[in-house]
Amino acid sequence: MLLAFTIGIILDTFQDTGGAHAAACLTLAYTRPMWLSLVYGESYKMKNVKILKTPMDKLAVLMVLCIALHHLVFFSLVIFNTSQILYTLKLTLSVGLASLLLNSFLLLLFKHRIKA
């Protein structure tokens, strides 16, 4: 939790977002065990989950859930206007898809290096 807050507050400092990154990072860190047990089931509870060695389908589901939650919290706090809900969702979807593509590319790149 401390690492998530530190990363979030550093991003907030440089982007002047008033704590939105810190709140989104803390929300994700707090709900991370729930997402891991939802995706990996019993193997997460037995502590034998290796992220870079898991199948890509489970990794994709985990990334979609975590990216969607993080961006939804972040953009909800940045925009903070109930009349802009559609804009918030559109922004969450578009930036979330870009983040998912970038993360997938990086994961494929690193997964390939570890296997070789």
PDB file of N, CA and C in Angstrom:
ATOM      1  N   MET A   1       0.821  -1.187   0.000  1.00  0.00           N
ATOM      2  CA  MET A   1       0.000   0.000   0.000  1.00  0.00           C
ATOM      3  C   MET A   1       0.873   1.262   0.000  1.00  0.00           C
ATOM      4  N   LEU A   2       1.977   1.182   0.729  1.00  0.00           N
ATOM      5  CA  LEU A   2       2.879   2.321   0.791  1.00  0.00           C
ATOM      6  C   LEU A   2       3.516   2.588  -0.576  1.00  0.00           C
ATOM      7  N   LEU A   3       3.879   1.518  -1.266  1.00  0.00           N
ATOM      8  CA  LEU A   3       4.459   1.673  -2.603  1.00  0.00           C
ATOM      9  C   LEU A   3       3.437   2.266  -3.574  1.00  0.00           C
ATOM     10  N   ALA A   4       2.198   1.813  -3.497  1.00  0.00           N
ATOM     11  CA  ALA A   4       1.151   2.347  -4.375  1.00  0.00           C
ATOM     12  C   ALA A   4       0.923   3.830  -4.103  1.00  0.00           C
ATOM     13  N   PHE A   5       0.896   4.200  -2.835  1.00  0.00           N
ATOM     14  CA  PHE A   5       0.713   5.614  -2.500  1.00  0.00           C
ATOM     15  C   PHE A   5       1.899   6.448  -2.991  1.00  0.00           C
ATOM     16  N   THR A   6       3.107   5.932  -2.812  1.00  0.00           N
ATOM     17  CA  THR A   6       4.303   6.670  -3.241  1.00  0.00           C
ATOM     18  C   THR A   6       4.314   6.890  -4.742  1.00  0.00           C
ATOM     19  N   ILE A   7       4.019   5.850  -5.499  1.00  0.00           N
ATOM     20  CA  ILE A   7       3.969   5.985  -6.961  1.00  0.00           C
ATOM     21  C   ILE A   7       2.884   6.981  -7.357  1.00  0.00           C
ATOM     22  N   GLY A   8       1.712   6.868  -6.737  1.00  0.00           N
ATOM     23  CA  GLY A   8       0.614   7.772  -7.056  1.00  0.00           C
ATOM     24  C   GLY A   8       0.918   9.214  -6.719  1.00  0.00           C
ATOM     25  N   ILE A   9       1.538   9.454  -5.582  1.00  0.00           N
ATOM     26  CA  ILE A   9       1.813  10.838  -5.177  1.00  0.00           C
ATOM     27  C   ILE A   9       2.921  11.442  -6.032  1.00  0.00           C
ATOM     28  N   ILE A  10       3.865  10.619  -6.482  1.00  0.00           N
ATOM     29  CA  ILE A  10       4.897  11.120  -7.402  1.00  0.00           C
ATOM     30  C   ILE A  10       4.261  11.522  -8.729  1.00  0.00           C
ATOM     31  N   LEU A  11       3.364  10.700  -9.247  1.00  0.00           N
ATOM     32  CA  LEU A  11       2.656  11.059 -10.484  1.00  0.00           C
ATOM     33  C   LEU A  11       1.817  12.318 -10.294  1.00  0.00           C
ATOM     34  N   ASP A  12       1.169  12.434  -9.147  1.00  0.00           N
ATOM     35  CA  ASP A  12       0.368  13.634  -8.860  1.00  0.00           C
ATOM     36  C   ASP A  12       1.235  14.881  -8.801  1.00  0.00           C
ATOM     37  N   THR A  13       2.424  14.755  -8.269  1.00  0.00           N
ATOM     38  CA  THR A  13       3.325  15.904  -8.158  1.00  0.00           C
ATOM     39  C   THR A  13       3.699  16.434  -9.533  1.00  0.00           C
ATOM     40  N   PHE A  14       4.009  15.531 -10.434  1.00  0.00           N
ATOM     41  CA  PHE A  14       4.453  15.963 -11.753  1.00  0.00           C
ATOM     42  C   PHE A  14       3.305  16.337 -12.688  1.00  0.00           C
ATOM     43  N   GLN A  15       2.128  15.766 -12.476  1.00  0.00           N
ATOM     44  CA  GLN A  15       1.009  16.046 -13.380  1.00  0.00           C
ATOM     45  C   GLN A  15      -0.016  17.002 -12.781  1.00  0.00           C
ATOM     46  N   ASP A  16       0.151  17.411 -11.550  1.00  0.00           N
ATOM     47  CA  ASP A  16      -0.740  18.365 -10.894  1.00  0.00           C
ATOM     48  C   ASP A  16      -2.195  17.899 -10.936  1.00  0.00           C
ATOM     49  N   THR A  17      -2.432  16.643 -10.490  1.00  0.00           N
ATOM     50  CA  THR A  17      -3.779  16.092 -10.517  1.00  0.00           C
ATOM     51  C   THR A  17      -4.430  16.029  -9.141  1.00  0.00           C
ATOM     52  N   GLY A  18      -3.807  16.605  -8.145  1.00  0.00           N
ATOM     53  CA  GLY A  18      -4.445  16.767  -6.847  1.00  0.00           C
ATOM     54  C   GLY A  18      -4.770  15.499  -6.084  1.00  0.00           C
ATOM     55  N   GLY A  19      -3.974  14.486  -6.196  1.00  0.00           N
ATOM     56  CA  GLY A  19      -4.191  13.266  -5.434  1.00  0.00           C
ATOM     57  C   GLY A  19      -4.999  12.198  -6.151  1.00  0.00           C
ATOM     58  N   ALA A  20      -5.407  12.443  -7.378  1.00  0.00           N
ATOM     59  CA  ALA A  20      -6.223  11.463  -8.103  1.00  0.00           C
ATOM     60  C   ALA A  20      -5.428  10.204  -8.424  1.00  0.00           C
ATOM     61  N   HIS A  21      -4.166  10.364  -8.795  1.00  0.00           N
ATOM     62  CA  HIS A  21      -3.327   9.190  -9.068  1.00  0.00           C
ATOM     63  C   HIS A  21      -3.109   8.380  -7.794  1.00  0.00           C
ATOM     64  N   ALA A  22      -2.847   9.056  -6.701  1.00  0.00           N
ATOM     65  CA  ALA A  22      -2.623   8.359  -5.437  1.00  0.00           C
ATOM     66  C   ALA A  22      -3.874   7.578  -5.026  1.00  0.00           C
ATOM     67  N   ALA A  23      -5.038   8.179  -5.176  1.00  0.00           N
ATOM     68  CA  ALA A  23      -6.285   7.507  -4.815  1.00  0.00           C
ATOM     69  C   ALA A  23      -6.545   6.307  -5.723  1.00  0.00           C
ATOM     70  N   ALA A  24      -6.290   6.467  -7.021  1.00  0.00           N
ATOM     71  CA  ALA A  24      -6.504   5.360  -7.956  1.00  0.00           C
ATOM     72  C   ALA A  24      -5.520   4.223  -7.694  1.00  0.00           C
ATOM     73  N   CYS A  25      -4.269   4.562  -7.410  1.00  0.00           N
ATOM     74  CA  CYS A  25      -3.270   3.532  -7.111  1.00  0.00           C
ATOM     75  C   CYS A  25      -3.596   2.810  -5.808  1.00  0.00           C
ATOM     76  N   LEU A  26      -4.029   3.548  -4.794  1.00  0.00           N
ATOM     77  CA  LEU A  26      -4.402   2.925  -3.524  1.00  0.00           C
ATOM     78  C   LEU A  26      -5.636   2.046  -3.668  1.00  0.00           C
ATOM     79  N   THR A  27      -6.600   2.475  -4.458  1.00  0.00           N
ATOM     80  CA  THR A  27      -7.791   1.665  -4.702  1.00  0.00           C
ATOM     81  C   THR A  27      -7.408   0.352  -5.373  1.00  0.00           C
ATOM     82  N   LEU A  28      -6.537   0.440  -6.351  1.00  0.00           N
ATOM     83  CA  LEU A  28      -6.090  -0.765  -7.049  1.00  0.00           C
ATOM     84  C   LEU A  28      -5.296  -1.672  -6.118  1.00  0.00           C
ATOM     85  N   ALA A  29      -4.418  -1.110  -5.298  1.00  0.00           N
ATOM     86  CA  ALA A  29      -3.634  -1.920  -4.361  1.00  0.00           C
ATOM     87  C   ALA A  29      -4.537  -2.583  -3.318  1.00  0.00           C
ATOM     88  N   TYR A  30      -5.572  -1.877  -2.884  1.00  0.00           N
ATOM     89  CA  TYR A  30      -6.482  -2.421  -1.882  1.00  0.00           C
ATOM     90  C   TYR A  30      -7.328  -3.567  -2.452  1.00  0.00           C
ATOM     91  N   THR A  31      -7.749  -3.453  -3.714  1.00  0.00           N
ATOM     92  CA  THR A  31      -8.607  -4.477  -4.310  1.00  0.00           C
ATOM     93  C   THR A  31      -7.818  -5.563  -5.049  1.00  0.00           C
ATOM     94  N   ARG A  32      -6.497  -5.444  -5.103  1.00  0.00           N
ATOM     95  CA  ARG A  32      -5.661  -6.407  -5.829  1.00  0.00           C
ATOM     96  C   ARG A  32      -5.865  -7.859  -5.371  1.00  0.00           C
ATOM     97  N   PRO A  33      -5.912  -8.162  -4.072  1.00  0.00           N
ATOM     98  CA  PRO A  33      -6.148  -9.557  -3.675  1.00  0.00           C
ATOM     99  C   PRO A  33      -7.477 -10.109  -4.184  1.00  0.00           C
ATOM    100  N   MET A  34      -8.494  -9.265  -4.226  1.00  0.00           N
ATOM    101  CA  MET A  34      -9.786  -9.711  -4.734  1.00  0.00           C
ATOM    102  C   MET A  34      -9.691 -10.075  -6.217  1.00  0.00           C
ATOM    103  N   TRP A  35      -9.020  -9.224  -7.014  1.00  0.00           N
ATOM    104  CA  TRP A  35      -8.883  -9.496  -8.448  1.00  0.00           C
ATOM    105  C   TRP A  35      -8.046 -10.754  -8.687  1.00  0.00           C
ATOM    106  N   LEU A  36      -6.962 -10.916  -7.925  1.00  0.00           N
ATOM    107  CA  LEU A  36      -6.113 -12.096  -8.098  1.00  0.00           C
ATOM    108  C   LEU A  36      -6.851 -13.382  -7.743  1.00  0.00           C
ATOM    109  N   SER A  37      -7.621 -13.372  -6.666  1.00  0.00           N
ATOM    110  CA  SER A  37      -8.368 -14.579  -6.316  1.00  0.00           C
ATOM    111  C   SER A  37      -9.509 -14.827  -7.297  1.00  0.00           C
ATOM    112  N   LEU A  38     -10.051 -13.778  -7.875  1.00  0.00           N
ATOM    113  CA  LEU A  38     -11.105 -13.946  -8.871  1.00  0.00           C
ATOM    114  C   LEU A  38     -10.557 -14.577 -10.150  1.00  0.00           C
ATOM    115  N   VAL A  39      -9.390 -14.139 -10.584  1.00  0.00           N
ATOM    116  CA  VAL A  39      -8.814 -14.632 -11.836  1.00  0.00           C
ATOM    117  C   VAL A  39      -8.121 -15.976 -11.649  1.00  0.00           C
ATOM    118  N   TYR A  40      -7.322 -16.119 -10.579  1.00  0.00           N
ATOM    119  CA  TYR A  40      -6.512 -17.320 -10.417  1.00  0.00           C
ATOM    120  C   TYR A  40      -7.118 -18.362  -9.497  1.00  0.00           C
ATOM    121  N   GLY A  41      -8.095 -18.017  -8.721  1.00  0.00           N
ATOM    122  CA  GLY A  41      -8.782 -18.977  -7.863  1.00  0.00           C
ATOM    123  C   GLY A  41      -7.892 -19.544  -6.773  1.00  0.00           C
ATOM    124  N   GLU A  42      -7.872 -20.875  -6.673  1.00  0.00           N
ATOM    125  CA  GLU A  42      -7.138 -21.550  -5.604  1.00  0.00           C
ATOM    126  C   GLU A  42      -5.635 -21.368  -5.703  1.00  0.00           C
ATOM    127  N   SER A  43      -5.086 -21.254  -6.909  1.00  0.00           N
ATOM    128  CA  SER A  43      -3.628 -21.111  -7.008  1.00  0.00           C
ATOM    129  C   SER A  43      -3.152 -19.817  -6.366  1.00  0.00           C
ATOM    130  N   TYR A  44      -3.989 -18.782  -6.364  1.00  0.00           N
ATOM    131  CA  TYR A  44      -3.592 -17.537  -5.692  1.00  0.00           C
ATOM    132  C   TYR A  44      -3.555 -17.745  -4.181  1.00  0.00           C
ATOM    133  N   LYS A  45      -4.539 -18.477  -3.664  1.00  0.00           N
ATOM    134  CA  LYS A  45      -4.592 -18.707  -2.222  1.00  0.00           C
ATOM    135  C   LYS A  45      -3.433 -19.573  -1.749  1.00  0.00           C
ATOM    136  N   MET A  46      -2.911 -20.425  -2.619  1.00  0.00           N
ATOM    137  CA  MET A  46      -1.790 -21.293  -2.250  1.00  0.00           C
ATOM    138  C   MET A  46      -0.448 -20.625  -2.548  1.00  0.00           C
ATOM    139  N   LYS A  47      -0.472 -19.381  -2.984  1.00  0.00           N
ATOM    140  CA  LYS A  47       0.732 -18.559  -3.207  1.00  0.00           C
ATOM    141  C   LYS A  47       1.666 -19.113  -4.286  1.00  0.00           C
ATOM    142  N   ASN A  48       1.132 -19.780  -5.296  1.00  0.00           N
ATOM    143  CA  ASN A  48       2.007 -20.252  -6.366  1.00  0.00           C
ATOM    144  C   ASN A  48       1.612 -19.661  -7.716  1.00  0.00           C
ATOM    145  N   VAL A  49       1.391 -18.358  -7.737  1.00  0.00           N
ATOM    146  CA  VAL A  49       1.080 -17.642  -8.970  1.00  0.00           C
ATOM    147  C   VAL A  49       2.335 -16.900  -9.423  1.00  0.00           C
ATOM    148  N   LYS A  50       2.764 -17.176 -10.624  1.00  0.00           N
ATOM    149  CA  LYS A  50       3.891 -16.455 -11.218  1.00  0.00           C
ATOM    150  C   LYS A  50       3.337 -15.719 -12.434  1.00  0.00           C
ATOM    151  N   ILE A  51       3.270 -14.394 -12.338  1.00  0.00           N
ATOM    152  CA  ILE A  51       2.588 -13.572 -13.331  1.00  0.00           C
ATOM    153  C   ILE A  51       3.154 -13.800 -14.731  1.00  0.00           C
ATOM    154  N   LEU A  52       4.459 -13.827 -14.874  1.00  0.00           N
ATOM    155  CA  LEU A  52       5.044 -13.956 -16.209  1.00  0.00           C
ATOM    156  C   LEU A  52       4.956 -15.368 -16.771  1.00  0.00           C
ATOM    157  N   LYS A  53       4.571 -16.352 -15.942  1.00  0.00           N
ATOM    158  CA  LYS A  53       4.454 -17.725 -16.422  1.00  0.00           C
ATOM    159  C   LYS A  53       3.005 -18.175 -16.577  1.00  0.00           C
ATOM    160  N   THR A  54       2.051 -17.288 -16.340  1.00  0.00           N
ATOM    161  CA  THR A  54       0.642 -17.666 -16.457  1.00  0.00           C
ATOM    162  C   THR A  54       0.192 -17.558 -17.910  1.00  0.00           C
ATOM    163  N   PRO A  55      -0.877 -18.260 -18.260  1.00  0.00           N
ATOM    164  CA  PRO A  55      -1.399 -18.152 -19.620  1.00  0.00           C
ATOM    165  C   PRO A  55      -1.863 -16.729 -19.929  1.00  0.00           C
ATOM    166  N   MET A  56      -1.799 -16.373 -21.192  1.00  0.00           N
ATOM    167  CA  MET A  56      -2.110 -15.003 -21.595  1.00  0.00           C
ATOM    168  C   MET A  56      -3.581 -14.651 -21.372  1.00  0.00           C
ATOM    169  N   ASP A  57      -4.479 -15.630 -21.421  1.00  0.00           N
ATOM    170  CA  ASP A  57      -5.899 -15.308 -21.237  1.00  0.00           C
ATOM    171  C   ASP A  57      -6.191 -14.846 -19.803  1.00  0.00           C
ATOM    172  N   LYS A  58      -5.606 -15.501 -18.808  1.00  0.00           N
ATOM    173  CA  LYS A  58      -5.811 -15.065 -17.430  1.00  0.00           C
ATOM    174  C   LYS A  58      -5.140 -13.724 -17.181  1.00  0.00           C
ATOM    175  N   LEU A  59      -3.988 -13.538 -17.785  1.00  0.00           N
ATOM    176  CA  LEU A  59      -3.281 -12.271 -17.637  1.00  0.00           C
ATOM    177  C   LEU A  59      -4.063 -11.134 -18.280  1.00  0.00           C
ATOM    178  N   ALA A  60      -4.688 -11.402 -19.414  1.00  0.00           N
ATOM    179  CA  ALA A  60      -5.491 -10.383 -20.100  1.00  0.00           C
ATOM    180  C   ALA A  60      -6.708  -9.992 -19.254  1.00  0.00           C
ATOM    181  N   VAL A  61      -7.361 -10.976 -18.650  1.00  0.00           N
ATOM    182  CA  VAL A  61      -8.521 -10.678 -17.804  1.00  0.00           C
ATOM    183  C   VAL A  61      -8.096  -9.835 -16.603  1.00  0.00           C
ATOM    184  N   LEU A  62      -6.976 -10.193 -15.993  1.00  0.00           N
ATOM    185  CA  LEU A  62      -6.471  -9.429 -14.854  1.00  0.00           C
ATOM    186  C   LEU A  62      -6.122  -8.004 -15.267  1.00  0.00           C
ATOM    187  N   MET A  63      -5.476  -7.841 -16.404  1.00  0.00           N
ATOM    188  CA  MET A  63      -5.117  -6.497 -16.869  1.00  0.00           C
ATOM    189  C   MET A  63      -6.347  -5.661 -17.174  1.00  0.00           C
ATOM    190  N   VAL A  64      -7.344  -6.251 -17.808  1.00  0.00           N
ATOM    191  CA  VAL A  64      -8.567  -5.507 -18.133  1.00  0.00           C
ATOM    192  C   VAL A  64      -9.252  -5.025 -16.859  1.00  0.00           C
ATOM    193  N   LEU A  65      -9.381  -5.905 -15.871  1.00  0.00           N
ATOM    194  CA  LEU A  65     -10.038  -5.524 -14.615  1.00  0.00           C
ATOM    195  C   LEU A  65      -9.274  -4.421 -13.888  1.00  0.00           C
ATOM    196  N   CYS A  66      -7.967  -4.581 -13.783  1.00  0.00           N
ATOM    197  CA  CYS A  66      -7.164  -3.605 -13.038  1.00  0.00           C
ATOM    198  C   CYS A  66      -7.078  -2.266 -13.758  1.00  0.00           C
ATOM    199  N   ILE A  67      -6.892  -2.294 -15.062  1.00  0.00           N
ATOM    200  CA  ILE A  67      -6.804  -1.042 -15.828  1.00  0.00           C
ATOM    201  C   ILE A  67      -8.144  -0.310 -15.802  1.00  0.00           C
ATOM    202  N   ALA A  68      -9.234  -1.054 -15.957  1.00  0.00           N
ATOM    203  CA  ALA A  68     -10.559  -0.416 -15.931  1.00  0.00           C
ATOM    204  C   ALA A  68     -10.834   0.241 -14.576  1.00  0.00           C
ATOM    205  N   LEU A  69     -10.525  -0.462 -13.499  1.00  0.00           N
ATOM    206  CA  LEU A  69     -10.751   0.114 -12.167  1.00  0.00           C
ATOM    207  C   LEU A  69      -9.884   1.346 -11.944  1.00  0.00           C
ATOM    208  N   HIS A  70      -8.611   1.234 -12.267  1.00  0.00           N
ATOM    209  CA  HIS A  70      -7.693   2.355 -12.045  1.00  0.00           C
ATOM    210  C   HIS A  70      -8.128   3.595 -12.828  1.00  0.00           C
ATOM    211  N   HIS A  71      -8.440   3.416 -14.108  1.00  0.00           N
ATOM    212  CA  HIS A  71      -8.809   4.572 -14.923  1.00  0.00           C
ATOM    213  C   HIS A  71     -10.181   5.130 -14.540  1.00  0.00           C
ATOM    214  N   LEU A  72     -11.099   4.271 -14.139  1.00  0.00           N
ATOM    215  CA  LEU A  72     -12.411   4.757 -13.721  1.00  0.00           C
ATOM    216  C   LEU A  72     -12.299   5.622 -12.462  1.00  0.00           C
ATOM    217  N   VAL A  73     -11.525   5.159 -11.499  1.00  0.00           N
ATOM    218  CA  VAL A  73     -11.333   5.955 -10.275  1.00  0.00           C
ATOM    219  C   VAL A  73     -10.596   7.246 -10.613  1.00  0.00           C
ATOM    220  N   PHE A  74      -9.534   7.149 -11.400  1.00  0.00           N
ATOM    221  CA  PHE A  74      -8.736   8.328 -11.722  1.00  0.00           C
ATOM    222  C   PHE A  74      -9.557   9.395 -12.441  1.00  0.00           C
ATOM    223  N   PHE A  75     -10.242   9.012 -13.529  1.00  0.00           N
ATOM    224  CA  PHE A  75     -10.987  10.003 -14.290  1.00  0.00           C
ATOM    225  C   PHE A  75     -12.220  10.502 -13.548  1.00  0.00           C
ATOM    226  N   SER A  76     -12.803   9.683 -12.688  1.00  0.00           N
ATOM    227  CA  SER A  76     -13.921  10.156 -11.871  1.00  0.00           C
ATOM    228  C   SER A  76     -13.470  11.250 -10.912  1.00  0.00           C
ATOM    229  N   LEU A  77     -12.273  11.101 -10.362  1.00  0.00           N
ATOM    230  CA  LEU A  77     -11.765  12.114  -9.442  1.00  0.00           C
ATOM    231  C   LEU A  77     -11.266  13.360 -10.162  1.00  0.00           C
ATOM    232  N   VAL A  78     -10.704  13.189 -11.348  1.00  0.00           N
ATOM    233  CA  VAL A  78     -10.201  14.350 -12.094  1.00  0.00           C
ATOM    234  C   VAL A  78     -11.359  15.189 -12.623  1.00  0.00           C
ATOM    235  N   ILE A  79     -12.351  14.548 -13.205  1.00  0.00           N
ATOM    236  CA  ILE A  79     -13.483  15.286 -13.783  1.00  0.00           C
ATOM    237  C   ILE A  79     -14.456  15.716 -12.678  1.00  0.00           C
ATOM    238  N   PHE A  80     -14.806  14.804 -11.774  1.00  0.00           N
ATOM    239  CA  PHE A  80     -15.617  15.068 -10.575  1.00  0.00           C
ATOM    240  C   PHE A  80     -16.867  15.893 -10.873  1.00  0.00           C
ATOM    241  N   ASN A  81     -17.641  15.427 -11.836  1.00  0.00           N
ATOM    242  CA  ASN A  81     -18.872  16.111 -12.202  1.00  0.00           C
ATOM    243  C   ASN A  81     -19.870  15.053 -12.659  1.00  0.00           C
ATOM    244  N   THR A  82     -21.018  14.973 -12.003  1.00  0.00           N
ATOM    245  CA  THR A  82     -21.985  13.930 -12.344  1.00  0.00           C
ATOM    246  C   THR A  82     -22.634  14.158 -13.704  1.00  0.00           C
ATOM    247  N   SER A  83     -22.610  15.375 -14.206  1.00  0.00           N
ATOM    248  CA  SER A  83     -23.183  15.612 -15.526  1.00  0.00           C
ATOM    249  C   SER A  83     -22.228  15.161 -16.641  1.00  0.00           C
ATOM    250  N   GLN A  84     -21.015  14.826 -16.284  1.00  0.00           N
ATOM    251  CA  GLN A  84     -20.020  14.384 -17.267  1.00  0.00           C
ATOM    252  C   GLN A  84     -19.755  12.878 -17.182  1.00  0.00           C
ATOM    253  N   ILE A  85     -20.740  12.093 -16.760  1.00  0.00           N
ATOM    254  CA  ILE A  85     -20.549  10.656 -16.587  1.00  0.00           C
ATOM    255  C   ILE A  85     -20.219   9.981 -17.910  1.00  0.00           C
ATOM    256  N   LEU A  86     -20.933  10.343 -18.970  1.00  0.00           N
ATOM    257  CA  LEU A  86     -20.670   9.737 -20.277  1.00  0.00           C
ATOM    258  C   LEU A  86     -19.266  10.068 -20.762  1.00  0.00           C
ATOM    259  N   TYR A  87     -18.842  11.295 -20.573  1.00  0.00           N
ATOM    260  CA  TYR A  87     -17.484  11.695 -20.954  1.00  0.00           C
ATOM    261  C   TYR A  87     -16.438  10.932 -20.132  1.00  0.00           C
ATOM    262  N   THR A  88     -16.709  10.749 -18.840  1.00  0.00           N
ATOM    263  CA  THR A  88     -15.796   9.997 -17.980  1.00  0.00           C
ATOM    264  C   THR A  88     -15.672   8.557 -18.452  1.00  0.00           C
ATOM    265  N   LEU A  89     -16.792   7.935 -18.780  1.00  0.00           N
ATOM    266  CA  LEU A  89     -16.762   6.552 -19.263  1.00  0.00           C
ATOM    267  C   LEU A  89     -16.058   6.441 -20.608  1.00  0.00           C
ATOM    268  N   LYS A  90     -16.298   7.414 -21.489  1.00  0.00           N
ATOM    269  CA  LYS A  90     -15.642   7.400 -22.797  1.00  0.00           C
ATOM    270  C   LYS A  90     -14.137   7.561 -22.646  1.00  0.00           C
ATOM    271  N   LEU A  91     -13.728   8.452 -21.774  1.00  0.00           N
ATOM    272  CA  LEU A  91     -12.310   8.666 -21.515  1.00  0.00           C
ATOM    273  C   LEU A  91     -11.680   7.433 -20.876  1.00  0.00           C
ATOM    274  N   THR A  92     -12.392   6.818 -19.939  1.00  0.00           N
ATOM    275  CA  THR A  92     -11.909   5.594 -19.302  1.00  0.00           C
ATOM    276  C   THR A  92     -11.724   4.489 -20.329  1.00  0.00           C
ATOM    277  N   LEU A  93     -12.678   4.342 -21.229  1.00  0.00           N
ATOM    278  CA  LEU A  93     -12.596   3.298 -22.249  1.00  0.00           C
ATOM    279  C   LEU A  93     -11.458   3.552 -23.230  1.00  0.00           C
ATOM    280  N   SER A  94     -11.342   4.767 -23.724  1.00  0.00           N
ATOM    281  CA  SER A  94     -10.313   5.032 -24.738  1.00  0.00           C
ATOM    282  C   SER A  94      -8.903   4.963 -24.162  1.00  0.00           C
ATOM    283  N   VAL A  95      -8.675   5.579 -23.017  1.00  0.00           N
ATOM    284  CA  VAL A  95      -7.347   5.531 -22.409  1.00  0.00           C
ATOM    285  C   VAL A  95      -7.065   4.125 -21.876  1.00  0.00           C
ATOM    286  N   GLY A  96      -8.093   3.455 -21.397  1.00  0.00           N
ATOM    287  CA  GLY A  96      -7.927   2.079 -20.927  1.00  0.00           C
ATOM    288  C   GLY A  96      -7.521   1.137 -22.042  1.00  0.00           C
ATOM    289  N   LEU A  97      -8.113   1.307 -23.226  1.00  0.00           N
ATOM    290  CA  LEU A  97      -7.724   0.462 -24.365  1.00  0.00           C
ATOM    291  C   LEU A  97      -6.281   0.733 -24.787  1.00  0.00           C
ATOM    292  N   ALA A  98      -5.889   1.985 -24.790  1.00  0.00           N
ATOM    293  CA  ALA A  98      -4.498   2.314 -25.126  1.00  0.00           C
ATOM    294  C   ALA A  98      -3.547   1.727 -24.087  1.00  0.00           C
ATOM    295  N   SER A  99      -3.894   1.810 -22.818  1.00  0.00           N
ATOM    296  CA  SER A  99      -3.063   1.225 -21.761  1.00  0.00           C
ATOM    297  C   SER A  99      -2.993  -0.288 -21.885  1.00  0.00           C
ATOM    298  N   LEU A 100      -4.116  -0.905 -22.223  1.00  0.00           N
ATOM    299  CA  LEU A 100      -4.154  -2.354 -22.385  1.00  0.00           C
ATOM    300  C   LEU A 100      -3.266  -2.794 -23.542  1.00  0.00           C
ATOM    301  N   LEU A 101      -3.322  -2.066 -24.650  1.00  0.00           N
ATOM    302  CA  LEU A 101      -2.469  -2.410 -25.782  1.00  0.00           C
ATOM    303  C   LEU A 101      -0.983  -2.255 -25.449  1.00  0.00           C
ATOM    304  N   LEU A 102      -0.634  -1.173 -24.792  1.00  0.00           N
ATOM    305  CA  LEU A 102       0.763  -0.953 -24.418  1.00  0.00           C
ATOM    306  C   LEU A 102       1.235  -2.010 -23.417  1.00  0.00           C
ATOM    307  N   ASN A 103       0.430  -2.291 -22.407  1.00  0.00           N
ATOM    308  CA  ASN A 103       0.802  -3.313 -21.419  1.00  0.00           C
ATOM    309  C   ASN A 103       0.903  -4.696 -22.040  1.00  0.00           C
ATOM    310  N   SER A 104       0.004  -5.024 -22.955  1.00  0.00           N
ATOM    311  CA  SER A 104       0.060  -6.322 -23.630  1.00  0.00           C
ATOM    312  C   SER A 104       1.327  -6.450 -24.458  1.00  0.00           C
ATOM    313  N   PHE A 105       1.668  -5.387 -25.154  1.00  0.00           N
ATOM    314  CA  PHE A 105       2.892  -5.404 -25.955  1.00  0.00           C
ATOM    315  C   PHE A 105       4.122  -5.607 -25.070  1.00  0.00           C
ATOM    316  N   LEU A 106       4.194  -4.876 -23.967  1.00  0.00           N
ATOM    317  CA  LEU A 106       5.332  -5.009 -23.066  1.00  0.00           C
ATOM    318  C   LEU A 106       5.388  -6.386 -22.412  1.00  0.00           C
ATOM    319  N   LEU A 107       4.239  -6.928 -22.036  1.00  0.00           N
ATOM    320  CA  LEU A 107       4.218  -8.258 -21.451  1.00  0.00           C
ATOM    321  C   LEU A 107       4.656  -9.322 -22.447  1.00  0.00           C
ATOM    322  N   LEU A 108       4.185  -9.214 -23.673  1.00  0.00           N
ATOM    323  CA  LEU A 108       4.617 -10.170 -24.690  1.00  0.00           C
ATOM    324  C   LEU A 108       6.114 -10.085 -24.933  1.00  0.00           C
ATOM    325  N   LEU A 109       6.620  -8.880 -24.903  1.00  0.00           N
ATOM    326  CA  LEU A 109       8.050  -8.679 -25.099  1.00  0.00           C
ATOM    327  C   LEU A 109       8.849  -9.331 -23.971  1.00  0.00           C
ATOM    328  N   PHE A 110       8.433  -9.127 -22.726  1.00  0.00           N
ATOM    329  CA  PHE A 110       9.169  -9.678 -21.600  1.00  0.00           C
ATOM    330  C   PHE A 110       8.915 -11.170 -21.403  1.00  0.00           C
ATOM    331  N   LYS A 111       7.713 -11.641 -21.706  1.00  0.00           N
ATOM    332  CA  LYS A 111       7.439 -13.079 -21.595  1.00  0.00           C
ATOM    333  C   LYS A 111       8.303 -13.852 -22.568  1.00  0.00           C
ATOM    334  N   HIS A 112       8.514 -13.274 -23.739  1.00  0.00           N
ATOM    335  CA  HIS A 112       9.344 -13.944 -24.745  1.00  0.00           C
ATOM    336  C   HIS A 112      10.794 -14.032 -24.273  1.00  0.00           C
ATOM    337  N   ARG A 113      11.299 -13.001 -23.656  1.00  0.00           N
ATOM    338  CA  ARG A 113      12.681 -13.005 -23.179  1.00  0.00           C
ATOM    339  C   ARG A 113      12.893 -13.992 -22.037  1.00  0.00           C
ATOM    340  N   ILE A 114      11.909 -14.157 -21.197  1.00  0.00           N
ATOM    341  CA  ILE A 114      12.068 -15.059 -20.059  1.00  0.00           C
ATOM    342  C   ILE A 114      12.087 -16.513 -20.536  1.00  0.00           C
ATOM    343  N   LYS A 115      11.261 -16.858 -21.507  1.00  0.00           N
ATOM    344  CA  LYS A 115      11.215 -18.228 -22.014  1.00  0.00           C
ATOM    345  C   LYS A 115      12.504 -18.608 -22.744  1.00  0.00           C
ATOM    346  N   ALA A 116      13.152 -17.634 -23.413  1.00  0.00           N
ATOM    347  CA  ALA A 116      14.328 -17.937 -24.211  1.00  0.00           C
ATOM    348  C   ALA A 116      15.570 -18.152 -23.382  1.00  0.00           C
TER     349      ALA A 116
END
